[in-house]
């Protein structure tokens, strides 16, 4: 399955939710797993983004649906990028 890197920034409402209920992060992970997306790794970061997530999903459409669903809540803004492993890149360049 394809990999994706998701950079997310919390809105004011999202920061308030996180402060009141830090476990909400894990609840959202379970929600997106029900959409067919597996969270491989998740990091809280400093800088222009609040979180970096590495996920695996069946296709772009599945990831787009997840992005619309989460974004429509008004608590987070997402930037999603498809990613391939370095090994896969090297293999494709040798063909």
PDB file of N, CA and C in Angstrom:
ATOM      1  N   UNK A   1       0.840  -1.193   0.000  1.00  0.00           N
ATOM      2  CA  UNK A   1       0.000   0.000   0.000  1.00  0.00           C
ATOM      3  C   UNK A   1       0.873   1.240   0.000  1.00  0.00           C
ATOM      4  N   UNK A   2       0.395   2.307  -0.630  1.00  0.00           N
ATOM      5  CA  UNK A   2       1.151   3.560  -0.672  1.00  0.00           C
ATOM      6  C   UNK A   2       1.296   4.211   0.707  1.00  0.00           C
ATOM      7  N   UNK A   3       2.371   4.955   0.836  1.00  0.00           N
ATOM      8  CA  UNK A   3       2.641   5.723   2.045  1.00  0.00           C
ATOM      9  C   UNK A   3       2.353   7.198   1.805  1.00  0.00           C
ATOM     10  N   UNK A   4       2.007   7.890   2.876  1.00  0.00           N
ATOM     11  CA  UNK A   4       1.748   9.327   2.820  1.00  0.00           C
ATOM     12  C   UNK A   4       2.350   9.984   4.055  1.00  0.00           C
ATOM     13  N   UNK A   5       2.852  11.199   3.864  1.00  0.00           N
ATOM     14  CA  UNK A   5       3.303  12.036   4.970  1.00  0.00           C
ATOM     15  C   UNK A   5       2.236  13.116   5.142  1.00  0.00           C
ATOM     16  N   UNK A   6       1.729  13.239   6.353  1.00  0.00           N
ATOM     17  CA  UNK A   6       0.705  14.241   6.634  1.00  0.00           C
ATOM     18  C   UNK A   6       1.266  15.231   7.651  1.00  0.00           C
ATOM     19  N   UNK A   7       1.321  16.490   7.241  1.00  0.00           N
ATOM     20  CA  UNK A   7       1.723  17.575   8.134  1.00  0.00           C
ATOM     21  C   UNK A   7       0.451  18.260   8.596  1.00  0.00           C
ATOM     22  N   UNK A   8       0.288  18.399   9.908  1.00  0.00           N
ATOM     23  CA  UNK A   8      -0.951  18.995  10.396  1.00  0.00           C
ATOM     24  C   UNK A   8      -0.677  20.137  11.354  1.00  0.00           C
ATOM     25  N   UNK A   9      -1.567  21.111  11.285  1.00  0.00           N
ATOM     26  CA  UNK A   9      -1.523  22.281  12.156  1.00  0.00           C
ATOM     27  C   UNK A   9      -2.880  22.393  12.839  1.00  0.00           C
ATOM     28  N   UNK A  10      -2.861  22.471  14.152  1.00  0.00           N
ATOM     29  CA  UNK A  10      -4.104  22.621  14.901  1.00  0.00           C
ATOM     30  C   UNK A  10      -4.630  24.050  14.791  1.00  0.00           C
ATOM     31  N   UNK A  11      -5.937  24.181  14.744  1.00  0.00           N
ATOM     32  CA  UNK A  11      -6.572  25.491  14.828  1.00  0.00           C
ATOM     33  C   UNK A  11      -6.703  25.838  16.314  1.00  0.00           C
ATOM     34  N   UNK A  12      -7.215  27.018  16.613  1.00  0.00           N
ATOM     35  CA  UNK A  12      -7.449  27.381  18.012  1.00  0.00           C
ATOM     36  C   UNK A  12      -8.366  26.365  18.687  1.00  0.00           C
ATOM     37  N   UNK A  13      -9.420  25.947  17.980  1.00  0.00           N
ATOM     38  CA  UNK A  13     -10.327  24.942  18.534  1.00  0.00           C
ATOM     39  C   UNK A  13      -9.609  23.611  18.760  1.00  0.00           C
ATOM     40  N   UNK A  14      -8.731  23.257  17.835  1.00  0.00           N
ATOM     41  CA  UNK A  14      -7.979  22.012  17.969  1.00  0.00           C
ATOM     42  C   UNK A  14      -7.029  22.031  19.157  1.00  0.00           C
ATOM     43  N   UNK A  15      -6.372  23.164  19.379  1.00  0.00           N
ATOM     44  CA  UNK A  15      -5.481  23.278  20.538  1.00  0.00           C
ATOM     45  C   UNK A  15      -6.268  23.188  21.845  1.00  0.00           C
ATOM     46  N   UNK A  16      -7.432  23.801  21.862  1.00  0.00           N
ATOM     47  CA  UNK A  16      -8.280  23.743  23.055  1.00  0.00           C
ATOM     48  C   UNK A  16      -8.720  22.302  23.319  1.00  0.00           C
ATOM     49  N   UNK A  17      -9.130  21.606  22.275  1.00  0.00           N
ATOM     50  CA  UNK A  17      -9.536  20.206  22.413  1.00  0.00           C
ATOM     51  C   UNK A  17      -8.381  19.356  22.928  1.00  0.00           C
ATOM     52  N   UNK A  18      -7.190  19.555  22.371  1.00  0.00           N
ATOM     53  CA  UNK A  18      -6.018  18.788  22.791  1.00  0.00           C
ATOM     54  C   UNK A  18      -5.676  19.051  24.254  1.00  0.00           C
ATOM     55  N   UNK A  19      -5.770  20.301  24.662  1.00  0.00           N
ATOM     56  CA  UNK A  19      -5.471  20.646  26.056  1.00  0.00           C
ATOM     57  C   UNK A  19      -6.457  19.972  27.010  1.00  0.00           C
ATOM     58  N   UNK A  20      -7.730  19.984  26.646  1.00  0.00           N
ATOM     59  CA  UNK A  20      -8.765  19.409  27.496  1.00  0.00           C
ATOM     60  C   UNK A  20      -8.778  17.881  27.458  1.00  0.00           C
ATOM     61  N   UNK A  21      -8.375  17.302  26.323  1.00  0.00           N
ATOM     62  CA  UNK A  21      -8.451  15.856  26.143  1.00  0.00           C
ATOM     63  C   UNK A  21      -7.295  15.376  25.265  1.00  0.00           C
ATOM     64  N   UNK A  22      -6.096  15.245  25.832  1.00  0.00           N
ATOM     65  CA  UNK A  22      -4.937  14.832  25.029  1.00  0.00           C
ATOM     66  C   UNK A  22      -5.120  13.482  24.327  1.00  0.00           C
ATOM     67  N   UNK A  23      -5.918  12.592  24.909  1.00  0.00           N
ATOM     68  CA  UNK A  23      -6.139  11.285  24.298  1.00  0.00           C
ATOM     69  C   UNK A  23      -6.955  11.371  23.015  1.00  0.00           C
ATOM     70  N   UNK A  24      -7.472  12.551  22.706  1.00  0.00           N
ATOM     71  CA  UNK A  24      -8.243  12.740  21.469  1.00  0.00           C
ATOM     72  C   UNK A  24      -7.409  12.348  20.251  1.00  0.00           C
ATOM     73  N   UNK A  25      -6.107  12.552  20.348  1.00  0.00           N
ATOM     74  CA  UNK A  25      -5.219  12.167  19.240  1.00  0.00           C
ATOM     75  C   UNK A  25      -5.400  10.683  18.931  1.00  0.00           C
ATOM     76  N   UNK A  26      -5.394   9.852  19.944  1.00  0.00           N
ATOM     77  CA  UNK A  26      -5.531   8.414  19.746  1.00  0.00           C
ATOM     78  C   UNK A  26      -6.926   8.043  19.252  1.00  0.00           C
ATOM     79  N   UNK A  27      -7.930   8.782  19.690  1.00  0.00           N
ATOM     80  CA  UNK A  27      -9.293   8.547  19.206  1.00  0.00           C
ATOM     81  C   UNK A  27      -9.390   8.834  17.709  1.00  0.00           C
ATOM     82  N   UNK A  28      -8.761   9.921  17.274  1.00  0.00           N
ATOM     83  CA  UNK A  28      -8.777  10.262  15.847  1.00  0.00           C
ATOM     84  C   UNK A  28      -8.038   9.188  15.052  1.00  0.00           C
ATOM     85  N   UNK A  29      -6.918   8.684  15.594  1.00  0.00           N
ATOM     86  CA  UNK A  29      -6.189   7.612  14.909  1.00  0.00           C
ATOM     87  C   UNK A  29      -7.093   6.405  14.683  1.00  0.00           C
ATOM     88  N   UNK A  30      -7.893   6.052  15.677  1.00  0.00           N
ATOM     89  CA  UNK A  30      -8.825   4.921  15.531  1.00  0.00           C
ATOM     90  C   UNK A  30      -9.872   5.221  14.463  1.00  0.00           C
ATOM     91  N   UNK A  31     -10.331   6.472  14.415  1.00  0.00           N
ATOM     92  CA  UNK A  31     -11.314   6.860  13.390  1.00  0.00           C
ATOM     93  C   UNK A  31     -10.738   6.702  11.988  1.00  0.00           C
ATOM     94  N   UNK A  32      -9.506   7.155  11.787  1.00  0.00           N
ATOM     95  CA  UNK A  32      -8.947   7.056  10.433  1.00  0.00           C
ATOM     96  C   UNK A  32      -8.586   5.607  10.090  1.00  0.00           C
ATOM     97  N   UNK A  33      -8.295   4.798  11.090  1.00  0.00           N
ATOM     98  CA  UNK A  33      -8.071   3.375  10.814  1.00  0.00           C
ATOM     99  C   UNK A  33      -9.349   2.725  10.308  1.00  0.00           C
ATOM    100  N   UNK A  34     -10.510   3.160  10.804  1.00  0.00           N
ATOM    101  CA  UNK A  34     -11.783   2.645  10.307  1.00  0.00           C
ATOM    102  C   UNK A  34     -12.023   3.062   8.856  1.00  0.00           C
ATOM    103  N   UNK A  35     -11.336   4.129   8.411  1.00  0.00           N
ATOM    104  CA  UNK A  35     -11.436   4.582   7.020  1.00  0.00           C
ATOM    105  C   UNK A  35     -10.496   3.803   6.102  1.00  0.00           C
ATOM    106  N   UNK A  36      -9.697   2.895   6.676  1.00  0.00           N
ATOM    107  CA  UNK A  36      -8.770   2.097   5.875  1.00  0.00           C
ATOM    108  C   UNK A  36      -7.349   2.641   5.835  1.00  0.00           C
ATOM    109  N   UNK A  37      -7.025   3.552   6.734  1.00  0.00           N
ATOM    110  CA  UNK A  37      -5.701   4.173   6.771  1.00  0.00           C
ATOM    111  C   UNK A  37      -4.996   3.726   8.042  1.00  0.00           C
ATOM    112  N   UNK A  38      -3.778   3.243   7.884  1.00  0.00           N
ATOM    113  CA  UNK A  38      -3.005   2.773   9.039  1.00  0.00           C
ATOM    114  C   UNK A  38      -1.959   3.818   9.418  1.00  0.00           C
ATOM    115  N   UNK A  39      -1.978   4.246  10.666  1.00  0.00           N
ATOM    116  CA  UNK A  39      -0.969   5.175  11.172  1.00  0.00           C
ATOM    117  C   UNK A  39       0.278   4.371  11.485  1.00  0.00           C
ATOM    118  N   UNK A  40       1.361   4.680  10.782  1.00  0.00           N
ATOM    119  CA  UNK A  40       2.617   3.965  10.992  1.00  0.00           C
ATOM    120  C   UNK A  40       3.444   4.640  12.077  1.00  0.00           C
ATOM    121  N   UNK A  41       3.501   5.960  12.022  1.00  0.00           N
ATOM    122  CA  UNK A  41       4.282   6.719  12.995  1.00  0.00           C
ATOM    123  C   UNK A  41       3.675   8.109  13.129  1.00  0.00           C
ATOM    124  N   UNK A  42       3.798   8.668  14.315  1.00  0.00           N
ATOM    125  CA  UNK A  42       3.212   9.984  14.571  1.00  0.00           C
ATOM    126  C   UNK A  42       4.140  10.743  15.517  1.00  0.00           C
ATOM    127  N   UNK A  43       4.422  11.984  15.155  1.00  0.00           N
ATOM    128  CA  UNK A  43       5.306  12.823  15.956  1.00  0.00           C
ATOM    129  C   UNK A  43       4.660  14.177  16.215  1.00  0.00           C
ATOM    130  N   UNK A  44       4.790  14.672  17.422  1.00  0.00           N
ATOM    131  CA  UNK A  44       4.476  16.073  17.723  1.00  0.00           C
ATOM    132  C   UNK A  44       5.765  16.843  17.468  1.00  0.00           C
ATOM    133  N   UNK A  45       5.664  17.973  16.770  1.00  0.00           N
ATOM    134  CA  UNK A  45       6.866  18.715  16.382  1.00  0.00           C
ATOM    135  C   UNK A  45       6.713  20.204  16.698  1.00  0.00           C
ATOM    136  N   UNK A  46       7.840  20.877  16.733  1.00  0.00           N
ATOM    137  CA  UNK A  46       7.865  22.329  16.877  1.00  0.00           C
ATOM    138  C   UNK A  46       8.026  22.944  15.490  1.00  0.00           C
ATOM    139  N   UNK A  47       7.613  24.175  15.333  1.00  0.00           N
ATOM    140  CA  UNK A  47       7.745  24.848  14.041  1.00  0.00           C
ATOM    141  C   UNK A  47       6.382  25.153  13.455  1.00  0.00           C
ATOM    142  N   UNK A  48       6.299  25.275  12.125  1.00  0.00           N
ATOM    143  CA  UNK A  48       5.031  25.675  11.501  1.00  0.00           C
ATOM    144  C   UNK A  48       3.952  24.595  11.562  1.00  0.00           C
ATOM    145  N   UNK A  49       4.335  23.348  11.828  1.00  0.00           N
ATOM    146  CA  UNK A  49       3.362  22.257  11.938  1.00  0.00           C
ATOM    147  C   UNK A  49       3.380  21.731  13.365  1.00  0.00           C
ATOM    148  N   UNK A  50       2.259  21.151  13.781  1.00  0.00           N
ATOM    149  CA  UNK A  50       2.148  20.584  15.119  1.00  0.00           C
ATOM    150  C   UNK A  50       2.408  19.081  15.146  1.00  0.00           C
ATOM    151  N   UNK A  51       2.100  18.402  14.039  1.00  0.00           N
ATOM    152  CA  UNK A  51       2.281  16.953  13.974  1.00  0.00           C
ATOM    153  C   UNK A  51       2.786  16.538  12.597  1.00  0.00           C
ATOM    154  N   UNK A  52       3.576  15.478  12.581  1.00  0.00           N
ATOM    155  CA  UNK A  52       3.988  14.805  11.353  1.00  0.00           C
ATOM    156  C   UNK A  52       3.538  13.357  11.501  1.00  0.00           C
ATOM    157  N   UNK A  53       2.779  12.901  10.536  1.00  0.00           N
ATOM    158  CA  UNK A  53       2.257  11.533  10.558  1.00  0.00           C
ATOM    159  C   UNK A  53       2.702  10.792   9.312  1.00  0.00           C
ATOM    160  N   UNK A  54       3.099   9.558   9.496  1.00  0.00           N
ATOM    161  CA  UNK A  54       3.381   8.674   8.376  1.00  0.00           C
ATOM    162  C   UNK A  54       2.258   7.644   8.389  1.00  0.00           C
ATOM    163  N   UNK A  55       1.535   7.556   7.274  1.00  0.00           N
ATOM    164  CA  UNK A  55       0.411   6.628   7.195  1.00  0.00           C
ATOM    165  C   UNK A  55       0.519   5.778   5.946  1.00  0.00           C
ATOM    166  N   UNK A  56      -0.228   4.702   5.951  1.00  0.00           N
ATOM    167  CA  UNK A  56      -0.325   3.811   4.804  1.00  0.00           C
ATOM    168  C   UNK A  56      -1.807   3.727   4.441  1.00  0.00           C
ATOM    169  N   UNK A  57      -2.110   3.901   3.162  1.00  0.00           N
ATOM    170  CA  UNK A  57      -3.500   3.907   2.714  1.00  0.00           C
ATOM    171  C   UNK A  57      -3.616   3.221   1.360  1.00  0.00           C
ATOM    172  N   UNK A  58      -4.800   2.723   1.048  1.00  0.00           N
ATOM    173  CA  UNK A  58      -4.967   2.019  -0.219  1.00  0.00           C
ATOM    174  C   UNK A  58      -4.760   2.898  -1.459  1.00  0.00           C
ATOM    175  N   UNK A  59      -5.156   4.180  -1.367  1.00  0.00           N
ATOM    176  CA  UNK A  59      -5.079   5.033  -2.557  1.00  0.00           C
ATOM    177  C   UNK A  59      -5.301   6.500  -2.176  1.00  0.00           C
ATOM    178  N   UNK A  60      -5.112   7.368  -3.176  1.00  0.00           N
ATOM    179  CA  UNK A  60      -5.278   8.809  -2.960  1.00  0.00           C
ATOM    180  C   UNK A  60      -6.699   9.181  -2.555  1.00  0.00           C
ATOM    181  N   UNK A  61      -7.682   8.512  -3.122  1.00  0.00           N
ATOM    182  CA  UNK A  61      -9.083   8.830  -2.815  1.00  0.00           C
ATOM    183  C   UNK A  61      -9.375   8.604  -1.337  1.00  0.00           C
ATOM    184  N   UNK A  62      -8.889   7.513  -0.782  1.00  0.00           N
ATOM    185  CA  UNK A  62      -9.091   7.229   0.642  1.00  0.00           C
ATOM    186  C   UNK A  62      -8.487   8.325   1.496  1.00  0.00           C
ATOM    187  N   UNK A  63      -7.289   8.769   1.125  1.00  0.00           N
ATOM    188  CA  UNK A  63      -6.616   9.828   1.886  1.00  0.00           C
ATOM    189  C   UNK A  63      -7.360  11.149   1.731  1.00  0.00           C
ATOM    190  N   UNK A  64      -7.878  11.422   0.544  1.00  0.00           N
ATOM    191  CA  UNK A  64      -8.635  12.651   0.330  1.00  0.00           C
ATOM    192  C   UNK A  64      -9.907  12.669   1.170  1.00  0.00           C
ATOM    193  N   UNK A  65     -10.600  11.535   1.239  1.00  0.00           N
ATOM    194  CA  UNK A  65     -11.811  11.455   2.072  1.00  0.00           C
ATOM    195  C   UNK A  65     -11.479  11.729   3.528  1.00  0.00           C
ATOM    196  N   UNK A  66     -10.372  11.152   4.019  1.00  0.00           N
ATOM    197  CA  UNK A  66      -9.942  11.381   5.392  1.00  0.00           C
ATOM    198  C   UNK A  66      -9.632  12.856   5.611  1.00  0.00           C
ATOM    199  N   UNK A  67      -8.958  13.467   4.663  1.00  0.00           N
ATOM    200  CA  UNK A  67      -8.585  14.874   4.776  1.00  0.00           C
ATOM    201  C   UNK A  67      -9.821  15.769   4.823  1.00  0.00           C
ATOM    202  N   UNK A  68     -10.796  15.483   3.992  1.00  0.00           N
ATOM    203  CA  UNK A  68     -12.036  16.267   3.996  1.00  0.00           C
ATOM    204  C   UNK A  68     -12.778  16.079   5.320  1.00  0.00           C
ATOM    205  N   UNK A  69     -12.866  14.839   5.773  1.00  0.00           N
ATOM    206  CA  UNK A  69     -13.563  14.559   7.039  1.00  0.00           C
ATOM    207  C   UNK A  69     -12.904  15.294   8.199  1.00  0.00           C
ATOM    208  N   UNK A  70     -11.597  15.148   8.359  1.00  0.00           N
ATOM    209  CA  UNK A  70     -10.919  15.800   9.486  1.00  0.00           C
ATOM    210  C   UNK A  70     -10.916  17.317   9.332  1.00  0.00           C
ATOM    211  N   UNK A  71     -10.683  17.800   8.125  1.00  0.00           N
ATOM    212  CA  UNK A  71     -10.641  19.238   7.895  1.00  0.00           C
ATOM    213  C   UNK A  71     -11.982  19.912   8.114  1.00  0.00           C
ATOM    214  N   UNK A  72     -13.077  19.195   7.842  1.00  0.00           N
ATOM    215  CA  UNK A  72     -14.411  19.786   7.989  1.00  0.00           C
ATOM    216  C   UNK A  72     -14.784  20.035   9.449  1.00  0.00           C
ATOM    217  N   UNK A  73     -14.044  19.458  10.359  1.00  0.00           N
ATOM    218  CA  UNK A  73     -14.326  19.631  11.784  1.00  0.00           C
ATOM    219  C   UNK A  73     -13.850  20.978  12.325  1.00  0.00           C
ATOM    220  N   UNK A  74     -12.954  21.611  11.578  1.00  0.00           N
ATOM    221  CA  UNK A  74     -12.465  22.925  11.982  1.00  0.00           C
ATOM    222  C   UNK A  74     -11.410  22.916  13.073  1.00  0.00           C
ATOM    223  N   UNK A  75     -10.825  21.745  13.351  1.00  0.00           N
ATOM    224  CA  UNK A  75      -9.824  21.660  14.416  1.00  0.00           C
ATOM    225  C   UNK A  75      -8.405  21.471  13.909  1.00  0.00           C
ATOM    226  N   UNK A  76      -8.266  21.187  12.615  1.00  0.00           N
ATOM    227  CA  UNK A  76      -6.931  20.911  12.073  1.00  0.00           C
ATOM    228  C   UNK A  76      -6.892  21.265  10.590  1.00  0.00           C
ATOM    229  N   UNK A  77      -5.709  21.671  10.151  1.00  0.00           N
ATOM    230  CA  UNK A  77      -5.439  21.877   8.728  1.00  0.00           C
ATOM    231  C   UNK A  77      -4.361  20.881   8.338  1.00  0.00           C
ATOM    232  N   UNK A  78      -4.549  20.219   7.200  1.00  0.00           N
ATOM    233  CA  UNK A  78      -3.649  19.142   6.789  1.00  0.00           C
ATOM    234  C   UNK A  78      -2.966  19.453   5.465  1.00  0.00           C
ATOM    235  N   UNK A  79      -1.728  19.008   5.357  1.00  0.00           N
ATOM    236  CA  UNK A  79      -1.033  18.975   4.070  1.00  0.00           C
ATOM    237  C   UNK A  79      -0.527  17.549   3.909  1.00  0.00           C
ATOM    238  N   UNK A  80      -0.992  16.876   2.871  1.00  0.00           N
ATOM    239  CA  UNK A  80      -0.665  15.476   2.660  1.00  0.00           C
ATOM    240  C   UNK A  80       0.186  15.319   1.413  1.00  0.00           C
ATOM    241  N   UNK A  81       1.225  14.503   1.552  1.00  0.00           N
ATOM    242  CA  UNK A  81       2.137  14.260   0.433  1.00  0.00           C
ATOM    243  C   UNK A  81       2.323  12.759   0.252  1.00  0.00           C
ATOM    244  N   UNK A  82       2.138  12.251  -0.983  1.00  0.00           N
ATOM    245  CA  UNK A  82       2.455  10.844  -1.219  1.00  0.00           C
ATOM    246  C   UNK A  82       3.959  10.649  -1.078  1.00  0.00           C
ATOM    247  N   UNK A  83       4.356   9.478  -0.605  1.00  0.00           N
ATOM    248  CA  UNK A  83       5.778   9.203  -0.390  1.00  0.00           C
ATOM    249  C   UNK A  83       6.105   7.793  -0.869  1.00  0.00           C
ATOM    250  N   UNK A  84       7.324   7.627  -1.355  1.00  0.00           N
ATOM    251  CA  UNK A  84       7.813   6.294  -1.697  1.00  0.00           C
ATOM    252  C   UNK A  84       9.119   6.069  -0.944  1.00  0.00           C
ATOM    253  N   UNK A  85       9.402   4.819  -0.666  1.00  0.00           N
ATOM    254  CA  UNK A  85      10.636   4.511   0.052  1.00  0.00           C
ATOM    255  C   UNK A  85      11.842   4.767  -0.852  1.00  0.00           C
ATOM    256  N   UNK A  86      12.964   5.007  -0.228  1.00  0.00           N
ATOM    257  CA  UNK A  86      14.195   5.227  -0.991  1.00  0.00           C
ATOM    258  C   UNK A  86      14.532   3.966  -1.786  1.00  0.00           C
ATOM    259  N   UNK A  87      14.290   2.819  -1.192  1.00  0.00           N
ATOM    260  CA  UNK A  87      14.560   1.556  -1.901  1.00  0.00           C
ATOM    261  C   UNK A  87      13.728   1.461  -3.171  1.00  0.00           C
ATOM    262  N   UNK A  88      12.454   1.844  -3.075  1.00  0.00           N
ATOM    263  CA  UNK A  88      11.590   1.809  -4.255  1.00  0.00           C
ATOM    264  C   UNK A  88      12.049   2.813  -5.307  1.00  0.00           C
ATOM    265  N   UNK A  89      12.495   3.981  -4.871  1.00  0.00           N
ATOM    266  CA  UNK A  89      13.020   4.980  -5.809  1.00  0.00           C
ATOM    267  C   UNK A  89      14.235   4.430  -6.550  1.00  0.00           C
ATOM    268  N   UNK A  90      15.183   3.879  -5.809  1.00  0.00           N
ATOM    269  CA  UNK A  90      16.403   3.335  -6.427  1.00  0.00           C
ATOM    270  C   UNK A  90      16.049   2.243  -7.428  1.00  0.00           C
ATOM    271  N   UNK A  91      15.142   1.355  -7.041  1.00  0.00           N
ATOM    272  CA  UNK A  91      14.725   0.261  -7.933  1.00  0.00           C
ATOM    273  C   UNK A  91      14.108   0.830  -9.206  1.00  0.00           C
ATOM    274  N   UNK A  92      13.277   1.845  -9.089  1.00  0.00           N
ATOM    275  CA  UNK A  92      12.611   2.406 -10.275  1.00  0.00           C
ATOM    276  C   UNK A  92      13.600   3.127 -11.185  1.00  0.00           C
ATOM    277  N   UNK A  93      14.662   3.684 -10.628  1.00  0.00           N
ATOM    278  CA  UNK A  93      15.650   4.384 -11.434  1.00  0.00           C
ATOM    279  C   UNK A  93      16.557   3.437 -12.205  1.00  0.00           C
ATOM    280  N   UNK A  94      16.632   2.201 -11.767  1.00  0.00           N
ATOM    281  CA  UNK A  94      17.478   1.211 -12.437  1.00  0.00           C
ATOM    282  C   UNK A  94      16.807   0.563 -13.618  1.00  0.00           C
ATOM    283  N   UNK A  95      15.516   0.772 -13.784  1.00  0.00           N
ATOM    284  CA  UNK A  95      14.766   0.131 -14.868  1.00  0.00           C
ATOM    285  C   UNK A  95      15.021   0.842 -16.166  1.00  0.00           C
TER     286      UNK A  95
END
